[in-house]
Amino acid sequence: MQHALAVREFAQTQPSNYAVRGVDRRTAGEFVSDVLLRSRASQAMVHRQIAALSSMWQRLIKRGFVADNPWQGQGSVANGSRQEPSKRADTADELVTLLTADPVAIMGQR
């Protein structure tokens, strides 16, 4: 049911003669940005729809209809309601401290 809903919603945004081979990462990204994220659906719902489309494309790949999955990685788009703090790389001093630390002294005899 979720697959059919997601595919139908995507198909409604494309020309009637549009082939699945024509769906590229840009087309998928525009659908996510312009339709899914603007629909005010929850982030979980957006991710479910992207996952359903991705699953459909995985089947198309297996059957030889398309070469790649343009939906893969599209779900990492945040809808702006919550932003994760950015991660930073460890400094050289932090890595040295980590690699030279005695785990028994830190964690005990577990």
N, C-alpha and C. Protein backbone atom coordinates (compact mmCIF):
# COMPACT_ATOMS: atom_id res chain seq x y z
N MET A 1 0.82 -1.19 0.00
CA MET A 1 0.00 0.00 0.00
C MET A 1 0.87 1.26 0.00
N GLN A 2 1.88 1.30 0.87
CA GLN A 2 2.77 2.47 0.95
C GLN A 2 3.51 2.65 -0.38
N HIS A 3 3.93 1.53 -1.00
CA HIS A 3 4.62 1.62 -2.28
C HIS A 3 3.71 2.25 -3.34
N ALA A 4 2.49 1.76 -3.42
CA ALA A 4 1.56 2.26 -4.43
C ALA A 4 1.27 3.74 -4.23
N LEU A 5 1.09 4.16 -3.00
CA LEU A 5 0.83 5.57 -2.70
C LEU A 5 2.00 6.45 -3.11
N ALA A 6 3.21 6.04 -2.75
CA ALA A 6 4.40 6.82 -3.06
C ALA A 6 4.62 6.90 -4.57
N VAL A 7 4.47 5.77 -5.26
CA VAL A 7 4.66 5.76 -6.71
C VAL A 7 3.60 6.61 -7.40
N ARG A 8 2.35 6.50 -6.96
CA ARG A 8 1.27 7.28 -7.55
C ARG A 8 1.51 8.78 -7.36
N GLU A 9 1.92 9.17 -6.15
CA GLU A 9 2.17 10.58 -5.88
C GLU A 9 3.31 11.11 -6.74
N PHE A 10 4.38 10.31 -6.89
CA PHE A 10 5.50 10.72 -7.74
C PHE A 10 5.06 10.80 -9.20
N ALA A 11 4.33 9.79 -9.66
CA ALA A 11 3.90 9.75 -11.06
C ALA A 11 3.02 10.94 -11.42
N GLN A 12 2.24 11.42 -10.47
CA GLN A 12 1.36 12.56 -10.74
C GLN A 12 2.14 13.85 -10.99
N THR A 13 3.40 13.89 -10.57
CA THR A 13 4.21 15.10 -10.78
C THR A 13 5.00 15.04 -12.08
N GLN A 14 4.93 13.92 -12.78
CA GLN A 14 5.71 13.73 -14.01
C GLN A 14 4.78 13.73 -15.23
N PRO A 15 5.32 14.06 -16.41
CA PRO A 15 4.51 13.97 -17.63
C PRO A 15 4.01 12.54 -17.83
N SER A 16 2.87 12.38 -18.48
CA SER A 16 2.26 11.05 -18.63
C SER A 16 3.13 10.09 -19.43
N ASN A 17 3.99 10.57 -20.30
CA ASN A 17 4.82 9.68 -21.10
C ASN A 17 6.25 9.55 -20.54
N TYR A 18 6.45 9.92 -19.30
CA TYR A 18 7.78 9.90 -18.67
C TYR A 18 8.14 8.46 -18.31
N ALA A 19 9.31 8.00 -18.74
CA ALA A 19 9.74 6.64 -18.48
C ALA A 19 10.58 6.57 -17.20
N VAL A 20 10.56 5.42 -16.54
CA VAL A 20 11.35 5.27 -15.31
C VAL A 20 12.83 5.45 -15.59
N ARG A 21 13.28 5.14 -16.79
CA ARG A 21 14.70 5.34 -17.13
C ARG A 21 15.08 6.82 -17.09
N GLY A 22 14.11 7.70 -17.21
CA GLY A 22 14.38 9.13 -17.20
C GLY A 22 14.49 9.73 -15.81
N VAL A 23 14.18 8.95 -14.79
CA VAL A 23 14.25 9.46 -13.42
C VAL A 23 15.70 9.42 -12.96
N ASP A 24 16.27 10.60 -12.74
CA ASP A 24 17.65 10.69 -12.26
C ASP A 24 17.66 11.29 -10.86
N ARG A 25 18.85 11.48 -10.30
CA ARG A 25 18.96 12.01 -8.94
C ARG A 25 18.35 13.41 -8.83
N ARG A 26 18.49 14.20 -9.87
CA ARG A 26 17.94 15.55 -9.83
C ARG A 26 16.41 15.51 -9.78
N THR A 27 15.81 14.66 -10.61
CA THR A 27 14.36 14.52 -10.62
C THR A 27 13.86 14.05 -9.25
N ALA A 28 14.55 13.05 -8.70
CA ALA A 28 14.17 12.54 -7.38
C ALA A 28 14.33 13.63 -6.32
N GLY A 29 15.44 14.35 -6.37
CA GLY A 29 15.68 15.42 -5.40
C GLY A 29 14.66 16.53 -5.49
N GLU A 30 14.27 16.88 -6.71
CA GLU A 30 13.25 17.92 -6.88
C GLU A 30 11.91 17.47 -6.33
N PHE A 31 11.58 16.18 -6.51
CA PHE A 31 10.33 15.67 -5.96
C PHE A 31 10.36 15.73 -4.43
N VAL A 32 11.49 15.32 -3.86
CA VAL A 32 11.61 15.37 -2.39
C VAL A 32 11.49 16.81 -1.90
N SER A 33 12.23 17.73 -2.52
CA SER A 33 12.22 19.13 -2.07
C SER A 33 10.91 19.84 -2.36
N ASP A 34 10.42 19.70 -3.58
CA ASP A 34 9.27 20.48 -4.02
C ASP A 34 7.93 19.89 -3.62
N VAL A 35 7.87 18.58 -3.44
CA VAL A 35 6.58 17.96 -3.14
C VAL A 35 6.54 17.42 -1.71
N LEU A 36 7.44 16.52 -1.38
CA LEU A 36 7.36 15.85 -0.07
C LEU A 36 7.62 16.82 1.08
N LEU A 37 8.69 17.59 0.99
CA LEU A 37 9.02 18.47 2.11
C LEU A 37 8.06 19.65 2.23
N ARG A 38 7.49 20.07 1.14
CA ARG A 38 6.53 21.17 1.18
C ARG A 38 5.14 20.72 1.59
N SER A 39 4.92 19.41 1.64
CA SER A 39 3.59 18.89 1.99
C SER A 39 3.31 19.01 3.49
N ARG A 40 4.30 19.37 4.27
CA ARG A 40 4.18 19.48 5.72
C ARG A 40 3.97 18.12 6.39
N ALA A 41 4.28 17.06 5.65
CA ALA A 41 4.20 15.72 6.25
C ALA A 41 5.34 15.58 7.25
N SER A 42 5.20 14.67 8.17
CA SER A 42 6.26 14.45 9.16
C SER A 42 7.50 13.92 8.46
N GLN A 43 8.63 14.11 9.11
CA GLN A 43 9.89 13.63 8.54
C GLN A 43 9.83 12.11 8.39
N ALA A 44 9.19 11.43 9.33
CA ALA A 44 9.06 9.97 9.25
C ALA A 44 8.26 9.57 8.01
N MET A 45 7.20 10.31 7.71
CA MET A 45 6.39 10.01 6.54
C MET A 45 7.18 10.25 5.25
N VAL A 46 7.93 11.34 5.22
CA VAL A 46 8.76 11.64 4.06
C VAL A 46 9.76 10.51 3.84
N HIS A 47 10.40 10.07 4.92
CA HIS A 47 11.38 8.98 4.81
C HIS A 47 10.72 7.68 4.36
N ARG A 48 9.51 7.42 4.82
CA ARG A 48 8.80 6.20 4.40
C ARG A 48 8.50 6.24 2.90
N GLN A 49 8.10 7.40 2.41
CA GLN A 49 7.80 7.50 0.99
C GLN A 49 9.07 7.36 0.15
N ILE A 50 10.15 7.96 0.60
CA ILE A 50 11.42 7.82 -0.13
C ILE A 50 11.87 6.37 -0.09
N ALA A 51 11.74 5.73 1.06
CA ALA A 51 12.13 4.32 1.18
C ALA A 51 11.28 3.44 0.26
N ALA A 52 10.00 3.74 0.14
CA ALA A 52 9.13 2.97 -0.74
C ALA A 52 9.56 3.14 -2.19
N LEU A 53 9.86 4.36 -2.60
CA LEU A 53 10.33 4.60 -3.97
C LEU A 53 11.68 3.94 -4.21
N SER A 54 12.56 4.01 -3.22
CA SER A 54 13.87 3.37 -3.33
C SER A 54 13.73 1.86 -3.47
N SER A 55 12.83 1.28 -2.71
CA SER A 55 12.59 -0.16 -2.78
C SER A 55 12.08 -0.55 -4.17
N MET A 56 11.19 0.26 -4.71
CA MET A 56 10.66 0.01 -6.06
C MET A 56 11.80 0.07 -7.08
N TRP A 57 12.68 1.05 -6.95
CA TRP A 57 13.80 1.17 -7.89
C TRP A 57 14.78 0.01 -7.73
N GLN A 58 14.93 -0.52 -6.52
CA GLN A 58 15.79 -1.69 -6.33
C GLN A 58 15.26 -2.87 -7.15
N ARG A 59 13.94 -3.02 -7.17
CA ARG A 59 13.33 -4.09 -7.98
C ARG A 59 13.54 -3.83 -9.46
N LEU A 60 13.43 -2.58 -9.87
CA LEU A 60 13.66 -2.24 -11.28
C LEU A 60 15.10 -2.52 -11.69
N ILE A 61 16.05 -2.29 -10.78
CA ILE A 61 17.45 -2.60 -11.05
C ILE A 61 17.62 -4.10 -11.24
N LYS A 62 17.03 -4.88 -10.33
CA LYS A 62 17.13 -6.34 -10.42
C LYS A 62 16.59 -6.87 -11.73
N ARG A 63 15.56 -6.24 -12.24
CA ARG A 63 14.92 -6.69 -13.48
C ARG A 63 15.55 -6.08 -14.73
N GLY A 64 16.52 -5.20 -14.54
CA GLY A 64 17.24 -4.63 -15.67
C GLY A 64 16.56 -3.44 -16.34
N PHE A 65 15.57 -2.84 -15.70
CA PHE A 65 14.88 -1.71 -16.29
C PHE A 65 15.65 -0.40 -16.12
N VAL A 66 16.39 -0.29 -15.02
CA VAL A 66 17.20 0.91 -14.75
C VAL A 66 18.57 0.47 -14.25
N ALA A 67 19.53 1.40 -14.31
CA ALA A 67 20.90 1.07 -13.91
C ALA A 67 21.22 1.46 -12.47
N ASP A 68 20.58 2.52 -11.96
CA ASP A 68 20.89 2.95 -10.60
C ASP A 68 19.63 3.44 -9.90
N ASN A 69 19.78 3.68 -8.60
CA ASN A 69 18.66 4.07 -7.75
C ASN A 69 18.79 5.56 -7.38
N PRO A 70 18.02 6.44 -8.03
CA PRO A 70 18.15 7.87 -7.74
C PRO A 70 17.60 8.26 -6.38
N TRP A 71 16.87 7.37 -5.73
CA TRP A 71 16.27 7.67 -4.42
C TRP A 71 17.22 7.39 -3.27
N GLN A 72 18.28 6.63 -3.54
CA GLN A 72 19.22 6.29 -2.47
C GLN A 72 19.91 7.56 -1.99
N GLY A 73 19.86 7.78 -0.69
CA GLY A 73 20.49 8.96 -0.09
C GLY A 73 19.59 10.19 -0.07
N GLN A 74 18.43 10.15 -0.67
CA GLN A 74 17.54 11.30 -0.69
C GLN A 74 16.88 11.50 0.67
N GLY A 75 16.81 10.46 1.49
CA GLY A 75 16.13 10.55 2.78
C GLY A 75 16.90 11.32 3.83
N SER A 76 18.13 11.66 3.57
CA SER A 76 18.91 12.37 4.57
C SER A 76 18.59 13.86 4.60
N VAL A 77 17.70 14.29 3.73
CA VAL A 77 17.31 15.69 3.69
C VAL A 77 16.44 16.00 4.90
N ALA A 78 16.82 17.01 5.66
CA ALA A 78 16.03 17.40 6.83
C ALA A 78 14.93 18.36 6.39
N ASN A 79 13.81 18.32 7.07
CA ASN A 79 12.71 19.20 6.68
C ASN A 79 12.75 20.55 7.40
N GLY A 80 13.84 20.84 8.07
CA GLY A 80 14.00 22.14 8.70
C GLY A 80 13.43 22.23 10.10
N SER A 81 12.72 21.20 10.55
CA SER A 81 12.12 21.29 11.87
C SER A 81 13.15 21.05 12.98
N ARG A 82 14.22 20.34 12.65
CA ARG A 82 15.23 20.06 13.66
C ARG A 82 16.56 19.86 12.95
N GLN A 83 17.57 20.56 13.39
CA GLN A 83 18.88 20.40 12.77
C GLN A 83 19.82 19.72 13.75
N GLU A 84 20.55 18.76 13.23
CA GLU A 84 21.54 18.04 14.02
C GLU A 84 22.79 18.91 14.12
N PRO A 85 23.47 18.87 15.26
CA PRO A 85 24.72 19.62 15.36
C PRO A 85 25.75 19.01 14.41
N SER A 86 26.56 19.86 13.81
CA SER A 86 27.55 19.34 12.88
C SER A 86 28.68 18.67 13.67
N LYS A 87 29.24 17.65 13.07
CA LYS A 87 30.33 16.92 13.71
C LYS A 87 31.64 17.50 13.24
N ARG A 88 32.64 17.44 14.09
CA ARG A 88 33.95 17.92 13.71
C ARG A 88 34.94 16.76 13.77
N ALA A 89 36.00 16.88 13.05
CA ALA A 89 37.04 15.86 13.07
C ALA A 89 37.84 15.97 14.36
N ASP A 90 38.34 14.83 14.83
CA ASP A 90 39.19 14.84 16.02
C ASP A 90 40.51 15.51 15.68
N THR A 91 41.08 16.20 16.66
CA THR A 91 42.39 16.81 16.46
C THR A 91 43.46 15.74 16.62
N ALA A 92 44.65 16.06 16.19
CA ALA A 92 45.76 15.11 16.31
C ALA A 92 46.03 14.78 17.78
N ASP A 93 45.97 15.79 18.65
CA ASP A 93 46.19 15.56 20.09
C ASP A 93 45.12 14.64 20.67
N GLU A 94 43.87 14.82 20.26
CA GLU A 94 42.80 13.96 20.75
C GLU A 94 43.00 12.51 20.30
N LEU A 95 43.44 12.33 19.06
CA LEU A 95 43.70 10.97 18.56
C LEU A 95 44.86 10.31 19.31
N VAL A 96 45.90 11.06 19.57
CA VAL A 96 47.03 10.51 20.32
C VAL A 96 46.57 10.10 21.71
N THR A 97 45.80 10.94 22.37
CA THR A 97 45.28 10.62 23.71
C THR A 97 44.43 9.35 23.66
N LEU A 98 43.58 9.24 22.67
CA LEU A 98 42.71 8.08 22.54
C LEU A 98 43.51 6.80 22.29
N LEU A 99 44.47 6.87 21.40
CA LEU A 99 45.23 5.67 21.03
C LEU A 99 46.25 5.25 22.07
N THR A 100 46.68 6.17 22.93
CA THR A 100 47.67 5.81 23.95
C THR A 100 47.05 5.54 25.31
N ALA A 101 45.75 5.71 25.42
CA ALA A 101 45.07 5.51 26.70
C ALA A 101 45.04 4.03 27.07
N ASP A 102 45.08 3.75 28.36
CA ASP A 102 44.99 2.38 28.87
C ASP A 102 43.52 2.07 29.14
N PRO A 103 42.90 1.19 28.35
CA PRO A 103 41.47 0.92 28.52
C PRO A 103 41.14 0.35 29.89
N VAL A 104 42.03 -0.43 30.48
CA VAL A 104 41.77 -1.01 31.80
C VAL A 104 41.71 0.09 32.85
N ALA A 105 42.57 1.08 32.73
CA ALA A 105 42.57 2.18 33.67
C ALA A 105 41.29 3.01 33.55
N ILE A 106 40.76 3.10 32.36
CA ILE A 106 39.56 3.91 32.13
C ILE A 106 38.29 3.13 32.46
N MET A 107 38.18 1.91 31.95
CA MET A 107 36.95 1.13 32.06
C MET A 107 36.96 0.10 33.20
N GLY A 108 38.11 -0.19 33.73
CA GLY A 108 38.18 -1.23 34.76
C GLY A 108 38.36 -2.61 34.11
N GLN A 109 38.19 -3.65 34.87
CA GLN A 109 38.44 -5.02 34.41
C GLN A 109 37.21 -5.67 33.78
N ARG A 110 36.46 -5.00 32.97
CA ARG A 110 35.27 -5.57 32.33
C ARG A 110 35.63 -6.49 31.22
